[in-house]
Amino acid sequence: MKVKTYDQSNLGKYSNKWLALDPASMKVIVSGNKVGDVLNRAKKEGIERPVLTRAPKNYGAYIGFGH
């Protein structure tokens, strides 16, 4: 199985926020305190199915997905 990783080490500024990531690039589209608001704003930005995650206080450096 191939695992694709994305460097997310710059997400510290989003501590304790919900994030909507572009599934193609894994870049942050929008952030906020409420997951519903983040999802709606991402859809307004044209991302119908964003990757939603919450950035904890000590966010890890990588997100990996198996292919």
Protein backbone atom coordinates (compact mmCIF):
# COMPACT_ATOMS: atom_id res chain seq x y z
CA MET A 1 0.00 0.00 0.00
CA LYS A 2 1.28 3.44 -0.95
CA VAL A 3 0.98 6.12 1.70
CA LYS A 4 0.84 9.73 0.65
CA THR A 5 1.96 12.23 3.29
CA TYR A 6 1.35 15.94 3.55
CA ASP A 7 3.50 18.27 5.62
CA GLN A 8 1.16 20.07 7.97
CA SER A 9 3.80 21.44 10.35
CA ASN A 10 2.64 25.00 9.70
CA LEU A 11 -0.79 24.42 11.26
CA GLY A 12 0.17 25.61 14.74
CA LYS A 13 -1.59 28.92 14.13
CA TYR A 14 -4.87 26.97 13.86
CA SER A 15 -4.63 25.50 17.37
CA ASN A 16 -8.05 24.33 18.64
CA LYS A 17 -9.79 25.28 15.36
CA TRP A 18 -11.76 23.21 12.88
CA LEU A 19 -10.08 23.09 9.47
CA ALA A 20 -11.43 22.40 6.01
CA LEU A 21 -8.67 21.12 3.75
CA ASP A 22 -8.76 20.93 -0.03
CA PRO A 23 -8.69 17.16 -0.71
CA ALA A 24 -6.45 17.60 -3.76
CA SER A 25 -3.73 19.73 -2.17
CA MET A 26 -4.42 19.26 1.58
CA LYS A 27 -4.12 23.02 2.02
CA VAL A 28 -6.30 24.85 4.52
CA ILE A 29 -9.29 26.46 2.82
CA VAL A 30 -11.02 27.85 5.91
CA SER A 31 -10.83 27.54 9.70
CA GLY A 32 -13.18 28.30 12.54
CA ASN A 33 -14.60 27.32 15.90
CA LYS A 34 -17.69 25.42 14.66
CA VAL A 35 -17.46 22.50 12.24
CA GLY A 36 -20.77 23.38 10.55
CA ASP A 37 -19.63 26.93 9.83
CA VAL A 38 -16.31 25.67 8.44
CA LEU A 39 -18.08 23.15 6.17
CA ASN A 40 -20.50 25.78 4.85
CA ARG A 41 -17.72 28.28 4.18
CA ALA A 42 -15.64 25.63 2.37
CA LYS A 43 -18.62 24.85 0.13
CA LYS A 44 -18.97 28.56 -0.64
CA GLU A 45 -15.29 28.46 -1.69
CA GLY A 46 -16.17 25.69 -4.19
CA ILE A 47 -14.90 22.69 -2.19
CA GLU A 48 -17.92 20.34 -2.00
CA ARG A 49 -16.22 17.56 -0.02
CA PRO A 50 -13.41 19.04 2.07
CA VAL A 51 -11.32 17.02 4.50
CA LEU A 52 -12.46 18.18 7.93
CA THR A 53 -10.17 17.93 10.94
CA ARG A 54 -9.70 19.65 14.24
CA ALA A 55 -6.26 21.03 14.98
CA PRO A 56 -5.42 20.19 18.60
CA LYS A 57 -3.12 22.35 20.68
CA ASN A 58 -0.05 20.27 19.72
CA TYR A 59 -0.79 19.44 16.09
CA GLY A 60 1.30 16.69 14.47
CA ALA A 61 3.47 17.40 11.47
CA TYR A 62 2.01 14.98 8.90
CA ILE A 63 -1.31 13.57 7.71
CA GLY A 64 -1.00 10.28 5.80
CA PHE A 65 -3.49 8.45 3.62
CA GLY A 66 -3.20 4.93 2.27
CA HIS A 67 -3.84 4.43 -1.46
